[in-house]
Amino acid sequence: MAPNPLIALLLWFPAFLFSTTVHEAAHALVAMWGGDRTAYQGGQVTLSPLPHIRREPIGMLVVPLVTSLTQGWAMGWASSPYDPWWAERYPRRAAWMAAAGPAGNFLIAFAAFALLKAGLALGWFSAPSSVVFDRLVVPAGTGSGLVGFAATALSILLMLNVILGAFNLVPLPPLDGATVAELFLPENAARSLRTLARTPAFSIVGLIVAWNVFPHVVRPLFGFVVDLLHPGLYAH
């Protein structure tokens, strides 16, 4: 992705804010359904970004704005509060709560993908000569304007949410995947993983490992999405 501060500010930052808000609201909603009202009482069962920004102003506002303007794409973080005693008592409910965040991202990605495919089928979009994260499609013919805006916005929403969802499923604390993994582990192994996840040093190591390993997964993920969108058109 070539840094483009204007596109980043107008499209990447709002896409990040929306996607992260959905992610955290999904956590909060499923926790509430499972009996933990901590996030609900904090006002986070909402698609308004304001309660999420108030909880994590640096990760939700400052860092995404800075990276948008300096890197040409947005990154940051957010969190949703929960009761650790509830999670310990109901580990499977906690695992479903953890899975809800990435599921929210994949739902956005699916919607963006469906709209892109519809635009291609209707002749509004066409395949570009080369694909990048914010240009999976281009306006058909000489069209631009609203169609061009939609092409870029949907491309960003699709790839951003595929990456957010996949990264958060890396099975290392403090990422959601460490808790989701408990759905598939024997109870003793799940309990050991929960104990490790509560250790700050282990969480820091997990985040460093995930941050260094995940970039090697991004290219295959991107290729997979492009192949689904434009079957057989590009060689990877």
Protein backbone atom coordinates (compact mmCIF):
# COMPACT_ATOMS: atom_id res chain seq x y z
CA MET A 1 0.00 0.00 0.00
CA ALA A 2 1.45 3.36 -0.99
CA PRO A 3 0.77 5.86 1.78
CA ASN A 4 -1.95 8.32 0.78
CA PRO A 5 -2.80 10.58 3.73
CA LEU A 6 -6.02 11.88 2.19
CA ILE A 7 -7.45 8.42 1.48
CA ALA A 8 -6.24 7.23 4.87
CA LEU A 9 -7.86 10.09 6.73
CA LEU A 10 -11.15 9.95 4.82
CA LEU A 11 -11.47 6.16 4.45
CA TRP A 12 -9.00 4.08 6.48
CA PHE A 13 -9.58 5.87 9.77
CA PRO A 14 -13.42 5.71 9.64
CA ALA A 15 -13.20 2.08 8.49
CA PHE A 16 -10.95 1.25 11.44
CA LEU A 17 -13.22 3.10 13.87
CA PHE A 18 -16.34 1.31 12.58
CA SER A 19 -14.71 -2.12 12.42
CA THR A 20 -13.21 -1.88 15.89
CA THR A 21 -16.48 -0.62 17.33
CA VAL A 22 -18.33 -3.60 15.86
CA HIS A 23 -15.65 -5.94 17.22
CA GLU A 24 -15.92 -4.62 20.78
CA ALA A 25 -19.72 -4.26 20.70
CA ALA A 26 -19.94 -7.92 19.65
CA HIS A 27 -17.79 -8.93 22.63
CA ALA A 28 -19.99 -6.88 24.96
CA LEU A 29 -23.26 -8.20 23.52
CA VAL A 30 -22.32 -11.88 23.74
CA ALA A 31 -20.95 -11.38 27.26
CA MET A 32 -24.28 -9.84 28.24
CA TRP A 33 -26.14 -12.77 26.71
CA GLY A 34 -23.86 -15.09 28.70
CA GLY A 35 -24.62 -13.37 31.99
CA ASP A 36 -21.78 -10.84 32.35
CA ARG A 37 -23.20 -7.31 32.26
CA THR A 38 -19.88 -5.55 32.91
CA ALA A 39 -19.48 -4.16 29.39
CA TYR A 40 -23.21 -3.48 29.10
CA GLN A 41 -23.09 -1.34 32.23
CA GLY A 42 -20.11 0.48 30.73
CA GLY A 43 -22.26 1.39 27.72
CA GLN A 44 -20.34 -0.76 25.24
CA VAL A 45 -23.24 -2.73 23.81
CA THR A 46 -23.54 -0.09 21.12
CA LEU A 47 -22.41 0.72 17.61
CA SER A 48 -21.61 4.26 18.68
CA PRO A 49 -17.82 4.59 18.83
CA LEU A 50 -17.93 7.12 21.67
CA PRO A 51 -18.03 4.68 24.67
CA HIS A 52 -15.24 2.64 23.06
CA ILE A 53 -13.16 5.77 22.45
CA ARG A 54 -13.68 6.89 26.04
CA ARG A 55 -12.35 3.53 27.25
CA GLU A 56 -9.33 3.46 24.91
CA PRO A 57 -8.72 7.00 23.58
CA ILE A 58 -5.10 6.29 22.63
CA GLY A 59 -5.81 3.04 20.78
CA MET A 60 -9.10 4.11 19.22
CA LEU A 61 -8.32 7.71 18.31
CA VAL A 62 -4.75 8.94 18.68
CA VAL A 63 -2.79 6.01 17.21
CA PRO A 64 -5.22 5.36 14.30
CA LEU A 65 -5.17 9.04 13.34
CA VAL A 66 -1.37 9.22 13.52
CA THR A 67 -0.86 6.00 11.53
CA SER A 68 -3.46 7.11 8.98
CA LEU A 69 -1.59 10.33 8.30
CA THR A 70 1.93 8.89 8.46
CA GLN A 71 1.56 5.32 7.14
CA GLY A 72 -1.40 5.58 4.78
CA TRP A 73 -3.46 3.06 6.75
CA ALA A 74 -4.89 2.89 10.27
CA MET A 75 -3.95 0.67 13.17
CA GLY A 76 -4.74 0.78 16.86
CA TRP A 77 -6.47 -1.21 19.58
CA ALA A 78 -9.53 -1.34 21.80
CA SER A 79 -10.89 -3.42 24.66
CA SER A 80 -14.13 -4.47 26.24
CA PRO A 81 -14.35 -5.01 30.03
CA TYR A 82 -15.54 -8.31 31.47
CA ASP A 83 -15.73 -9.99 34.85
CA PRO A 84 -12.78 -12.43 35.20
CA TRP A 85 -14.66 -14.40 37.86
CA TRP A 86 -17.51 -14.91 35.38
CA ALA A 87 -15.02 -16.05 32.75
CA GLU A 88 -13.44 -18.50 35.18
CA ARG A 89 -16.81 -19.89 36.22
CA TYR A 90 -18.16 -20.10 32.66
CA PRO A 91 -15.11 -20.65 30.40
CA ARG A 92 -17.14 -21.74 27.39
CA ARG A 93 -19.31 -18.64 27.59
CA ALA A 94 -16.13 -16.57 27.81
CA ALA A 95 -14.79 -18.39 24.74
CA TRP A 96 -17.93 -17.52 22.76
CA MET A 97 -17.60 -13.94 23.95
CA ALA A 98 -14.03 -13.89 22.62
CA ALA A 99 -15.10 -15.41 19.30
CA ALA A 100 -17.80 -12.76 18.83
CA GLY A 101 -15.30 -9.96 18.13
CA PRO A 102 -13.58 -11.61 15.14
CA ALA A 103 -17.00 -12.88 13.99
CA GLY A 104 -18.15 -9.24 13.82
CA ASN A 105 -15.15 -8.42 11.63
CA PHE A 106 -15.79 -11.37 9.34
CA LEU A 107 -19.45 -10.32 9.03
CA ILE A 108 -18.37 -6.87 7.83
CA ALA A 109 -15.87 -8.48 5.44
CA PHE A 110 -18.58 -10.78 4.05
CA ALA A 111 -20.94 -7.83 3.47
CA ALA A 112 -18.20 -5.83 1.72
CA PHE A 113 -17.25 -8.87 -0.38
CA ALA A 114 -20.89 -9.42 -1.41
CA LEU A 115 -21.26 -5.77 -2.45
CA LEU A 116 -18.03 -5.90 -4.46
CA LYS A 117 -19.15 -9.06 -6.24
CA ALA A 118 -22.55 -7.48 -6.93
CA GLY A 119 -20.84 -4.38 -8.34
CA LEU A 120 -18.70 -6.55 -10.60
CA ALA A 121 -21.73 -8.53 -11.79
CA LEU A 122 -23.70 -5.34 -12.50
CA GLY A 123 -20.84 -3.77 -14.40
CA TRP A 124 -20.22 -0.94 -11.91
CA PHE A 125 -16.77 -2.24 -10.99
CA SER A 126 -14.03 -3.96 -12.94
CA ALA A 127 -10.77 -5.69 -12.07
CA PRO A 128 -7.76 -3.33 -11.84
CA SER A 129 -4.50 -4.00 -13.66
CA SER A 130 -2.95 -4.68 -10.25
CA VAL A 131 -4.58 -5.15 -6.87
CA VAL A 132 -3.67 -3.56 -3.56
CA PHE A 133 -5.54 -3.43 -0.26
CA ASP A 134 -7.47 -0.27 -1.08
CA ARG A 135 -7.99 -1.12 -4.77
CA LEU A 136 -9.47 -4.57 -5.15
CA VAL A 137 -11.76 -3.17 -7.84
CA VAL A 138 -11.94 0.04 -9.86
CA PRO A 139 -14.89 1.89 -11.44
CA ALA A 140 -15.88 0.35 -14.76
CA GLY A 141 -15.06 2.36 -17.87
CA THR A 142 -14.24 5.99 -17.20
CA GLY A 143 -16.60 6.31 -14.25
CA SER A 144 -15.38 7.70 -10.98
CA GLY A 145 -17.08 9.88 -8.35
CA LEU A 146 -19.40 7.95 -6.07
CA VAL A 147 -18.61 4.62 -7.75
CA GLY A 148 -14.89 5.20 -7.25
CA PHE A 149 -15.45 6.12 -3.61
CA ALA A 150 -17.52 2.96 -3.09
CA ALA A 151 -14.86 0.81 -4.79
CA THR A 152 -12.13 2.10 -2.48
CA ALA A 153 -14.24 2.10 0.68
CA LEU A 154 -15.46 -1.46 0.15
CA SER A 155 -11.95 -2.68 -0.71
CA ILE A 156 -10.65 -1.19 2.54
CA LEU A 157 -13.52 -2.60 4.61
CA LEU A 158 -13.02 -6.06 3.15
CA MET A 159 -9.27 -6.34 3.69
CA LEU A 160 -9.18 -4.48 7.00
CA ASN A 161 -11.77 -6.79 8.53
CA VAL A 162 -10.24 -9.96 7.13
CA ILE A 163 -6.94 -8.93 8.73
CA LEU A 164 -8.49 -7.80 12.03
CA GLY A 165 -10.54 -10.98 12.33
CA ALA A 166 -7.66 -13.29 11.45
CA PHE A 167 -5.10 -11.50 13.64
CA ASN A 168 -7.37 -11.63 16.67
CA LEU A 169 -7.80 -15.38 16.19
CA VAL A 170 -4.08 -16.05 16.64
CA PRO A 171 -4.21 -18.46 19.64
CA LEU A 172 -1.86 -16.49 21.87
CA PRO A 173 -2.82 -14.25 24.79
CA PRO A 174 -3.85 -11.48 24.99
CA LEU A 175 -5.56 -12.02 21.61
CA ASP A 176 -9.08 -13.43 21.36
CA GLY A 177 -7.80 -16.62 19.79
CA ALA A 178 -6.25 -17.76 23.06
CA THR A 179 -9.70 -17.82 24.68
CA VAL A 180 -11.45 -19.17 21.57
CA ALA A 181 -8.98 -22.08 21.56
CA GLU A 182 -10.47 -23.27 24.85
CA LEU A 183 -13.54 -24.44 22.92
CA PHE A 184 -11.33 -27.11 21.32
CA LEU A 185 -8.99 -28.01 24.19
CA PRO A 186 -9.39 -30.57 26.98
CA GLU A 187 -10.37 -28.93 30.28
CA ASN A 188 -6.92 -29.35 31.86
CA ALA A 189 -5.19 -27.74 28.88
CA ALA A 190 -7.78 -24.96 28.74
CA ARG A 191 -7.28 -24.24 32.45
CA SER A 192 -3.49 -24.05 31.97
CA LEU A 193 -3.92 -21.67 29.06
CA ARG A 194 -6.19 -19.43 31.15
CA THR A 195 -3.58 -19.35 33.90
CA LEU A 196 -0.87 -18.35 31.42
CA ALA A 197 -3.12 -15.71 29.85
CA ARG A 198 -3.43 -13.97 33.22
CA THR A 199 0.36 -13.59 33.39
CA PRO A 200 1.30 -10.13 32.03
CA ALA A 201 4.75 -11.24 30.87
CA PHE A 202 3.31 -14.16 28.89
CA SER A 203 0.74 -11.86 27.27
CA ILE A 204 3.49 -9.46 26.20
CA VAL A 205 5.49 -12.33 24.71
CA GLY A 206 2.36 -13.63 22.97
CA LEU A 207 1.65 -10.24 21.42
CA ILE A 208 5.26 -9.86 20.23
CA VAL A 209 5.24 -13.33 18.67
CA ALA A 210 1.87 -12.75 16.99
CA TRP A 211 2.98 -9.34 15.70
CA ASN A 212 6.08 -10.87 14.12
CA VAL A 213 4.48 -14.02 12.76
CA PHE A 214 1.23 -12.60 11.40
CA PRO A 215 2.79 -10.50 8.59
CA HIS A 216 3.80 -13.78 6.94
CA VAL A 217 0.11 -14.73 6.87
CA VAL A 218 -1.13 -11.47 5.36
CA ARG A 219 0.08 -12.16 1.82
CA PRO A 220 -1.63 -15.59 1.56
CA LEU A 221 -4.79 -14.08 3.07
CA PHE A 222 -4.71 -11.26 0.52
CA GLY A 223 -4.19 -13.74 -2.30
CA PHE A 224 -7.09 -15.87 -1.06
CA VAL A 225 -9.45 -12.88 -1.00
CA VAL A 226 -8.33 -11.72 -4.46
CA ASP A 227 -8.84 -15.22 -5.90
CA LEU A 228 -12.36 -15.32 -4.48
CA LEU A 229 -13.14 -11.89 -5.87
CA HIS A 230 -11.47 -12.37 -9.29
CA PRO A 231 -11.17 -16.17 -9.83
CA GLY A 232 -8.13 -17.09 -11.91
CA LEU A 233 -7.34 -13.50 -12.94
CA TYR A 234 -4.14 -12.88 -11.01
CA ALA A 235 -1.10 -15.04 -10.34
CA HIS A 236 0.33 -14.93 -6.80
